PDB file of N, CA and C in Angstrom:
ATOM      1  N   MET A   1     -21.242 -28.988  22.179  1.00  0.00           N
ATOM      2  CA  MET A   1     -20.901 -27.767  23.095  1.00  0.00           C
ATOM      3  C   MET A   1     -21.095 -28.141  24.477  1.00  0.00           C
ATOM      4  N   ARG A   2     -20.108 -27.873  25.548  1.00  0.00           N
ATOM      5  CA  ARG A   2     -20.218 -27.860  26.743  1.00  0.00           C
ATOM      6  C   ARG A   2     -20.224 -26.475  27.749  1.00  0.00           C
ATOM      7  N   THR A   3     -21.425 -26.711  28.834  1.00  0.00           N
ATOM      8  CA  THR A   3     -21.519 -25.483  28.912  1.00  0.00           C
ATOM      9  C   THR A   3     -20.549 -25.660  30.821  1.00  0.00           C
ATOM     10  N   VAL A   4     -20.211 -24.935  31.181  1.00  0.00           N
ATOM     11  CA  VAL A   4     -19.805 -25.186  32.757  1.00  0.00           C
ATOM     12  C   VAL A   4     -20.283 -23.874  33.450  1.00  0.00           C
ATOM     13  N   ASN A   5     -19.801 -23.896  34.433  1.00  0.00           N
ATOM     14  CA  ASN A   5     -20.244 -22.745  35.398  1.00  0.00           C
ATOM     15  C   ASN A   5     -18.613 -22.261  35.645  1.00  0.00           C
ATOM     16  N   VAL A   6     -18.617 -20.808  36.208  1.00  0.00           N
ATOM     17  CA  VAL A   6     -17.417 -20.361  36.088  1.00  0.00           C
ATOM     18  C   VAL A   6     -16.806 -20.985  37.533  1.00  0.00           C
ATOM     19  N   HIS A   7     -17.068 -21.564  38.519  1.00  0.00           N
ATOM     20  CA  HIS A   7     -16.177 -22.089  39.976  1.00  0.00           C
ATOM     21  C   HIS A   7     -15.623 -23.269  38.978  1.00  0.00           C
ATOM     22  N   GLU A   8     -16.210 -24.463  38.288  1.00  0.00           N
ATOM     23  CA  GLU A   8     -15.932 -25.255  37.145  1.00  0.00           C
ATOM     24  C   GLU A   8     -14.825 -24.985  36.528  1.00  0.00           C
ATOM     25  N   ALA A   9     -14.907 -23.749  36.205  1.00  0.00           N
ATOM     26  CA  ALA A   9     -14.454 -23.497  34.846  1.00  0.00           C
ATOM     27  C   ALA A   9     -13.193 -22.716  35.743  1.00  0.00           C
ATOM     28  N   LYS A  10     -12.899 -22.378  37.399  1.00  0.00           N
ATOM     29  CA  LYS A  10     -11.675 -21.686  37.548  1.00  0.00           C
ATOM     30  C   LYS A  10     -10.674 -23.195  38.034  1.00  0.00           C
ATOM     31  N   THR A  11     -11.595 -24.205  38.150  1.00  0.00           N
ATOM     32  CA  THR A  11     -11.235 -25.315  39.186  1.00  0.00           C
ATOM     33  C   THR A  11     -10.526 -25.950  37.885  1.00  0.00           C
ATOM     34  N   HIS A  12     -10.969 -25.991  36.909  1.00  0.00           N
ATOM     35  CA  HIS A  12     -10.499 -27.119  35.844  1.00  0.00           C
ATOM     36  C   HIS A  12     -10.108 -26.631  34.333  1.00  0.00           C
ATOM     37  N   PHE A  13      -9.185 -25.191  34.592  1.00  0.00           N
ATOM     38  CA  PHE A  13      -9.770 -24.245  33.510  1.00  0.00           C
ATOM     39  C   PHE A  13      -8.273 -24.785  32.428  1.00  0.00           C
ATOM     40  N   SER A  14      -7.067 -25.509  32.848  1.00  0.00           N
ATOM     41  CA  SER A  14      -6.172 -26.037  32.018  1.00  0.00           C
ATOM     42  C   SER A  14      -6.883 -27.115  31.340  1.00  0.00           C
ATOM     43  N   ARG A  15      -7.576 -28.004  31.485  1.00  0.00           N
ATOM     44  CA  ARG A  15      -8.230 -29.321  31.126  1.00  0.00           C
ATOM     45  C   ARG A  15      -8.873 -28.682  30.020  1.00  0.00           C
ATOM     46  N   LEU A  16      -9.982 -27.233  30.694  1.00  0.00           N
ATOM     47  CA  LEU A  16     -11.125 -26.999  29.238  1.00  0.00           C
ATOM     48  C   LEU A  16     -10.145 -26.226  28.079  1.00  0.00           C
ATOM     49  N   ILE A  17      -9.049 -25.370  28.485  1.00  0.00           N
ATOM     50  CA  ILE A  17      -8.445 -25.124  27.793  1.00  0.00           C
ATOM     51  C   ILE A  17      -8.012 -26.333  26.469  1.00  0.00           C
ATOM     52  N   ASP A  18      -7.193 -27.221  27.180  1.00  0.00           N
ATOM     53  CA  ASP A  18      -6.915 -27.921  26.287  1.00  0.00           C
ATOM     54  C   ASP A  18      -8.021 -28.915  25.316  1.00  0.00           C
ATOM     55  N   ALA A  19      -9.220 -28.713  25.939  1.00  0.00           N
ATOM     56  CA  ALA A  19     -10.472 -29.544  25.262  1.00  0.00           C
ATOM     57  C   ALA A  19     -10.810 -28.515  24.145  1.00  0.00           C
ATOM     58  N   ALA A  20     -10.581 -27.225  24.757  1.00  0.00           N
ATOM     59  CA  ALA A  20     -11.033 -26.202  23.353  1.00  0.00           C
ATOM     60  C   ALA A  20      -9.614 -26.538  22.287  1.00  0.00           C
ATOM     61  N   HIS A  21      -8.832 -26.168  22.762  1.00  0.00           N
ATOM     62  CA  HIS A  21      -7.724 -26.612  21.669  1.00  0.00           C
ATOM     63  C   HIS A  21      -8.158 -27.911  20.730  1.00  0.00           C
ATOM     64  N   ALA A  22      -8.370 -28.936  21.368  1.00  0.00           N
ATOM     65  CA  ALA A  22      -8.673 -30.383  20.601  1.00  0.00           C
ATOM     66  C   ALA A  22      -9.914 -29.808  19.743  1.00  0.00           C
ATOM     67  N   GLY A  23     -11.303 -28.793  19.928  1.00  0.00           N
ATOM     68  CA  GLY A  23     -11.561 -28.652  18.842  1.00  0.00           C
ATOM     69  C   GLY A  23     -13.172 -28.431  19.337  1.00  0.00           C
ATOM     70  N   GLU A  24     -13.119 -28.779  20.625  1.00  0.00           N
ATOM     71  CA  GLU A  24     -14.188 -28.206  21.498  1.00  0.00           C
ATOM     72  C   GLU A  24     -14.769 -26.952  21.911  1.00  0.00           C
ATOM     73  N   THR A  25     -16.048 -26.448  22.120  1.00  0.00           N
ATOM     74  CA  THR A  25     -16.434 -24.847  21.907  1.00  0.00           C
ATOM     75  C   THR A  25     -17.027 -25.298  23.423  1.00  0.00           C
ATOM     76  N   ILE A  26     -16.681 -24.492  24.841  1.00  0.00           N
ATOM     77  CA  ILE A  26     -16.926 -24.749  25.982  1.00  0.00           C
ATOM     78  C   ILE A  26     -17.736 -23.043  26.266  1.00  0.00           C
ATOM     79  N   VAL A  27     -19.151 -23.315  26.699  1.00  0.00           N
ATOM     80  CA  VAL A  27     -19.805 -22.059  27.395  1.00  0.00           C
ATOM     81  C   VAL A  27     -19.109 -21.962  28.825  1.00  0.00           C
ATOM     82  N   VAL A  28     -18.757 -20.887  28.960  1.00  0.00           N
ATOM     83  CA  VAL A  28     -18.663 -20.814  30.504  1.00  0.00           C
ATOM     84  C   VAL A  28     -20.055 -19.456  30.975  1.00  0.00           C
ATOM     85  N   ALA A  29     -20.665 -20.014  32.083  1.00  0.00           N
ATOM     86  CA  ALA A  29     -22.018 -19.846  32.088  1.00  0.00           C
ATOM     87  C   ALA A  29     -21.562 -18.905  33.658  1.00  0.00           C
ATOM     88  N   LYS A  30     -22.406 -18.304  33.822  1.00  0.00           N
ATOM     89  CA  LYS A  30     -22.193 -17.180  35.591  1.00  0.00           C
ATOM     90  C   LYS A  30     -23.892 -16.724  35.661  1.00  0.00           C
ATOM     91  N   GLY A  31     -23.844 -17.387  37.175  1.00  0.00           N
ATOM     92  CA  GLY A  31     -25.493 -17.367  37.295  1.00  0.00           C
ATOM     93  C   GLY A  31     -26.532 -17.937  36.378  1.00  0.00           C
ATOM     94  N   GLY A  32     -25.990 -18.715  35.701  1.00  0.00           N
ATOM     95  CA  GLY A  32     -26.530 -20.064  34.816  1.00  0.00           C
ATOM     96  C   GLY A  32     -27.312 -19.545  33.368  1.00  0.00           C
ATOM     97  N   LYS A  33     -26.221 -17.948  33.024  1.00  0.00           N
ATOM     98  CA  LYS A  33     -26.603 -17.448  31.577  1.00  0.00           C
ATOM     99  C   LYS A  33     -25.074 -17.830  31.058  1.00  0.00           C
ATOM    100  N   PRO A  34     -25.296 -17.713  29.982  1.00  0.00           N
ATOM    101  CA  PRO A  34     -23.948 -17.905  29.311  1.00  0.00           C
ATOM    102  C   PRO A  34     -22.915 -16.529  29.065  1.00  0.00           C
ATOM    103  N   TRP A  35     -21.781 -16.542  29.522  1.00  0.00           N
ATOM    104  CA  TRP A  35     -21.019 -15.403  29.433  1.00  0.00           C
ATOM    105  C   TRP A  35     -19.563 -15.641  28.760  1.00  0.00           C
ATOM    106  N   ALA A  36     -18.903 -16.650  28.775  1.00  0.00           N
ATOM    107  CA  ALA A  36     -18.085 -16.344  27.950  1.00  0.00           C
ATOM    108  C   ALA A  36     -18.015 -17.727  27.061  1.00  0.00           C
ATOM    109  N   ARG A  37     -17.217 -17.753  25.864  1.00  0.00           N
ATOM    110  CA  ARG A  37     -17.278 -19.116  25.162  1.00  0.00           C
ATOM    111  C   ARG A  37     -15.807 -19.119  25.036  1.00  0.00           C
ATOM    112  N   LEU A  38     -15.027 -20.408  25.080  1.00  0.00           N
ATOM    113  CA  LEU A  38     -13.706 -20.790  24.749  1.00  0.00           C
ATOM    114  C   LEU A  38     -14.116 -21.794  23.413  1.00  0.00           C
ATOM    115  N   VAL A  39     -13.382 -21.480  22.596  1.00  0.00           N
ATOM    116  CA  VAL A  39     -13.094 -21.804  21.287  1.00  0.00           C
ATOM    117  C   VAL A  39     -11.560 -22.232  20.695  1.00  0.00           C
ATOM    118  N   PRO A  40     -11.483 -23.127  19.964  1.00  0.00           N
ATOM    119  CA  PRO A  40     -10.157 -23.018  19.503  1.00  0.00           C
ATOM    120  C   PRO A  40      -9.881 -21.788  18.837  1.00  0.00           C
ATOM    121  N   LEU A  41      -8.433 -21.564  18.387  1.00  0.00           N
ATOM    122  CA  LEU A  41      -8.064 -20.500  17.242  1.00  0.00           C
ATOM    123  C   LEU A  41      -8.079 -21.146  16.080  1.00  0.00           C
ATOM    124  N   ALA A  42      -8.097 -20.288  15.211  1.00  0.00           N
ATOM    125  CA  ALA A  42      -7.813 -20.785  13.633  1.00  0.00           C
ATOM    126  C   ALA A  42      -6.627 -20.747  13.710  1.00  0.00           C
ATOM    127  N   THR A  43      -6.375 -21.552  12.820  1.00  0.00           N
ATOM    128  CA  THR A  43      -5.000 -21.983  12.318  1.00  0.00           C
ATOM    129  C   THR A  43      -4.254 -20.936  11.972  1.00  0.00           C
ATOM    130  N   PRO A  44      -2.800 -20.172  11.986  1.00  0.00           N
ATOM    131  CA  PRO A  44      -2.437 -19.023  11.165  1.00  0.00           C
ATOM    132  C   PRO A  44      -2.177 -19.407   9.877  1.00  0.00           C
ATOM    133  N   THR A  45      -2.716 -18.701   9.078  1.00  0.00           N
ATOM    134  CA  THR A  45      -1.862 -18.895   7.604  1.00  0.00           C
ATOM    135  C   THR A  45      -0.700 -18.815   7.600  1.00  0.00           C
ATOM    136  N   PRO A  46      -0.095 -19.588   6.703  1.00  0.00           N
ATOM    137  CA  PRO A  46       1.422 -19.299   6.982  1.00  0.00           C
ATOM    138  C   PRO A  46       1.912 -18.098   6.169  1.00  0.00           C
ATOM    139  N   LEU A  47       3.150 -17.709   6.759  1.00  0.00           N
ATOM    140  CA  LEU A  47       3.702 -16.627   5.848  1.00  0.00           C
ATOM    141  C   LEU A  47       4.184 -16.691   4.556  1.00  0.00           C
ATOM    142  N   ARG A  48       4.351 -15.977   3.838  1.00  0.00           N
ATOM    143  CA  ARG A  48       4.963 -15.774   2.440  1.00  0.00           C
ATOM    144  C   ARG A  48       6.522 -16.527   2.681  1.00  0.00           C
ATOM    145  N   GLN A  49       7.116 -16.889   1.678  1.00  0.00           N
ATOM    146  CA  GLN A  49       8.130 -17.800   1.933  1.00  0.00           C
ATOM    147  C   GLN A  49       8.691 -17.062   0.452  1.00  0.00           C
ATOM    148  N   PRO A  50       9.666 -16.189   0.336  1.00  0.00           N
ATOM    149  CA  PRO A  50      10.511 -15.424  -0.870  1.00  0.00           C
ATOM    150  C   PRO A  50      11.337 -16.151  -0.877  1.00  0.00           C
ATOM    151  N   GLY A  51      11.358 -16.378  -2.424  1.00  0.00           N
ATOM    152  CA  GLY A  51      12.215 -17.465  -3.435  1.00  0.00           C
ATOM    153  C   GLY A  51      11.887 -18.766  -3.643  1.00  0.00           C
ATOM    154  N   VAL A  52      10.277 -19.344  -3.347  1.00  0.00           N
ATOM    155  CA  VAL A  52      10.068 -20.069  -3.162  1.00  0.00           C
ATOM    156  C   VAL A  52      10.190 -20.740  -4.736  1.00  0.00           C
ATOM    157  N   LEU A  53       9.931 -19.937  -5.754  1.00  0.00           N
ATOM    158  CA  LEU A  53       9.541 -20.215  -7.311  1.00  0.00           C
ATOM    159  C   LEU A  53      10.922 -19.736  -7.635  1.00  0.00           C
ATOM    160  N   ALA A  54      11.596 -19.593  -7.227  1.00  0.00           N
ATOM    161  CA  ALA A  54      13.245 -19.362  -7.778  1.00  0.00           C
ATOM    162  C   ALA A  54      13.559 -20.311  -8.350  1.00  0.00           C
ATOM    163  N   GLY A  55      13.706 -20.149  -9.810  1.00  0.00           N
ATOM    164  CA  GLY A  55      14.836 -21.252 -10.814  1.00  0.00           C
ATOM    165  C   GLY A  55      13.227 -21.878 -11.312  1.00  0.00           C
ATOM    166  N   VAL A  56      12.153 -21.710 -10.990  1.00  0.00           N
ATOM    167  CA  VAL A  56      10.677 -22.521 -11.418  1.00  0.00           C
ATOM    168  C   VAL A  56       9.970 -21.849 -12.567  1.00  0.00           C
ATOM    169  N   LEU A  57       9.991 -20.128 -11.968  1.00  0.00           N
ATOM    170  CA  LEU A  57       9.251 -19.024 -13.030  1.00  0.00           C
ATOM    171  C   LEU A  57      10.500 -18.138 -13.355  1.00  0.00           C
ATOM    172  N   GLN A  58      10.477 -17.742 -14.559  1.00  0.00           N
ATOM    173  CA  GLN A  58      11.175 -17.458 -15.254  1.00  0.00           C
ATOM    174  C   GLN A  58      10.282 -15.783 -15.701  1.00  0.00           C
ATOM    175  N   LEU A  59      10.637 -14.236 -15.273  1.00  0.00           N
ATOM    176  CA  LEU A  59       9.927 -13.290 -15.401  1.00  0.00           C
ATOM    177  C   LEU A  59      10.600 -12.385 -16.592  1.00  0.00           C
ATOM    178  N   PRO A  60      10.146 -11.951 -17.596  1.00  0.00           N
ATOM    179  CA  PRO A  60      10.923 -11.299 -18.729  1.00  0.00           C
ATOM    180  C   PRO A  60      11.251 -10.330 -18.162  1.00  0.00           C
ATOM    181  N   ALA A  61      12.753  -9.458 -18.616  1.00  0.00           N
ATOM    182  CA  ALA A  61      13.583  -8.400 -18.709  1.00  0.00           C
ATOM    183  C   ALA A  61      12.668  -7.099 -18.004  1.00  0.00           C
ATOM    184  N   PRO A  62      13.290  -6.339 -16.965  1.00  0.00           N
ATOM    185  CA  PRO A  62      11.981  -5.096 -16.839  1.00  0.00           C
ATOM    186  C   PRO A  62      12.315  -3.976 -17.808  1.00  0.00           C
ATOM    187  N   GLU A  63      13.048  -4.089 -19.189  1.00  0.00           N
ATOM    188  CA  GLU A  63      12.975  -3.107 -19.731  1.00  0.00           C
ATOM    189  C   GLU A  63      11.710  -3.516 -21.137  1.00  0.00           C
ATOM    190  N   MET A  64      11.482  -5.128 -20.793  1.00  0.00           N
ATOM    191  CA  MET A  64      10.477  -5.886 -21.856  1.00  0.00           C
ATOM    192  C   MET A  64       9.188  -5.416 -21.254  1.00  0.00           C
ATOM    193  N   LEU A  65       9.254  -5.723 -19.782  1.00  0.00           N
ATOM    194  CA  LEU A  65       8.047  -5.346 -19.155  1.00  0.00           C
ATOM    195  C   LEU A  65       7.928  -3.912 -19.358  1.00  0.00           C
ATOM    196  N   LEU A  66       8.225  -2.970 -19.387  1.00  0.00           N
ATOM    197  CA  LEU A  66       8.385  -1.361 -19.525  1.00  0.00           C
ATOM    198  C   LEU A  66       7.859  -0.707 -21.134  1.00  0.00           C
ATOM    199  N   GLU A  67       8.071  -1.636 -21.835  1.00  0.00           N
ATOM    200  CA  GLU A  67       7.911  -1.652 -23.304  1.00  0.00           C
ATOM    201  C   GLU A  67       6.494  -1.155 -23.279  1.00  0.00           C
ATOM    202  N   PRO A  68       5.956   0.035 -24.456  1.00  0.00           N
ATOM    203  CA  PRO A  68       4.539   0.037 -24.654  1.00  0.00           C
ATOM    204  C   PRO A  68       4.179  -0.708 -25.156  1.00  0.00           C
ATOM    205  N   LEU A  69       2.622  -0.913 -24.913  1.00  0.00           N
ATOM    206  CA  LEU A  69       1.885  -1.895 -25.573  1.00  0.00           C
ATOM    207  C   LEU A  69       1.545  -1.701 -27.047  1.00  0.00           C
ATOM    208  N   PRO A  70       1.653  -3.028 -27.730  1.00  0.00           N
ATOM    209  CA  PRO A  70       1.139  -2.992 -29.449  1.00  0.00           C
ATOM    210  C   PRO A  70      -0.166  -2.262 -29.589  1.00  0.00           C
ATOM    211  N   ASP A  71      -0.277  -1.473 -30.764  1.00  0.00           N
ATOM    212  CA  ASP A  71      -1.947  -0.457 -30.567  1.00  0.00           C
ATOM    213  C   ASP A  71      -2.728  -1.823 -31.169  1.00  0.00           C
ATOM    214  N   ALA A  72      -2.963  -2.948 -31.550  1.00  0.00           N
ATOM    215  CA  ALA A  72      -3.574  -3.519 -31.367  1.00  0.00           C
ATOM    216  C   ALA A  72      -4.452  -4.346 -29.664  1.00  0.00           C
ATOM    217  N   GLU A  73      -3.231  -4.395 -28.962  1.00  0.00           N
ATOM    218  CA  GLU A  73      -3.360  -4.641 -27.322  1.00  0.00           C
ATOM    219  C   GLU A  73      -4.221  -3.412 -26.631  1.00  0.00           C
ATOM    220  N   LEU A  74      -3.631  -2.228 -27.103  1.00  0.00           N
ATOM    221  CA  LEU A  74      -4.026  -1.089 -26.545  1.00  0.00           C
ATOM    222  C   LEU A  74      -5.895  -0.806 -26.756  1.00  0.00           C
ATOM    223  N   ALA A  75      -6.412  -1.293 -28.328  1.00  0.00           N
ATOM    224  CA  ALA A  75      -7.604  -1.112 -28.642  1.00  0.00           C
ATOM    225  C   ALA A  75      -8.506  -2.426 -27.977  1.00  0.00           C
ATOM    226  N   ALA A  76      -7.609  -3.356 -28.043  1.00  0.00           N
ATOM    227  CA  ALA A  76      -8.819  -4.231 -26.821  1.00  0.00           C
ATOM    228  C   ALA A  76      -9.168  -3.346 -25.582  1.00  0.00           C
ATOM    229  N   PHE A  77      -8.319  -2.560 -24.923  1.00  0.00           N
ATOM    230  CA  PHE A  77      -8.862  -2.067 -23.599  1.00  0.00           C
ATOM    231  C   PHE A  77     -10.459  -1.104 -23.835  1.00  0.00           C
ATOM    232  N   ASP A  78     -10.151  -0.714 -25.214  1.00  0.00           N
ATOM    233  CA  ASP A  78     -10.624   0.263 -25.729  1.00  0.00           C
ATOM    234  C   ASP A  78     -12.712  -0.331 -26.029  1.00  0.00           C
ATOM    235  N   ASN A  79     -11.970  -1.792 -26.491  1.00  0.00           N
ATOM    236  CA  ASN A  79     -13.607  -2.685 -27.104  1.00  0.00           C
ATOM    237  C   ASN A  79     -12.958  -3.482 -26.741  1.00  0.00           C
ATOM    238  N   PRO A  80     -13.952  -4.449 -25.182  1.00  0.00           N
ATOM    239  CA  PRO A  80     -13.741  -5.193 -24.154  1.00  0.00           C
ATOM    240  C   PRO A  80     -14.295  -6.286 -25.081  1.00  0.00           C
ATOM    241  N   LEU A  81     -14.735  -7.543 -24.639  1.00  0.00           N
ATOM    242  CA  LEU A  81     -15.274  -8.608 -25.733  1.00  0.00           C
ATOM    243  C   LEU A  81     -16.767  -8.571 -25.223  1.00  0.00           C
ATOM    244  N   PRO A  82     -17.359  -8.863 -25.414  1.00  0.00           N
ATOM    245  CA  PRO A  82     -19.218  -9.160 -25.129  1.00  0.00           C
ATOM    246  C   PRO A  82     -19.014 -10.111 -24.015  1.00  0.00           C
TER     247      PRO A  82
END
């Protein structure tokens, strides 16, 4: 972690943000006291992509999903495993 004063930060701001982007943490001090911190941003989580499993995953027909559960399965909800 590198500490720089405000004047140096203003003078070399472009270099400092490049260093932060590369993974370095930079503390900006004002009057000799830590005032702010430049840190790299976390990599964004990728957005979901609809259709990635198309043709790979087969779901049952909606009618089958909406059928009532058999009595044995319903009873299992009332009597969970130990």
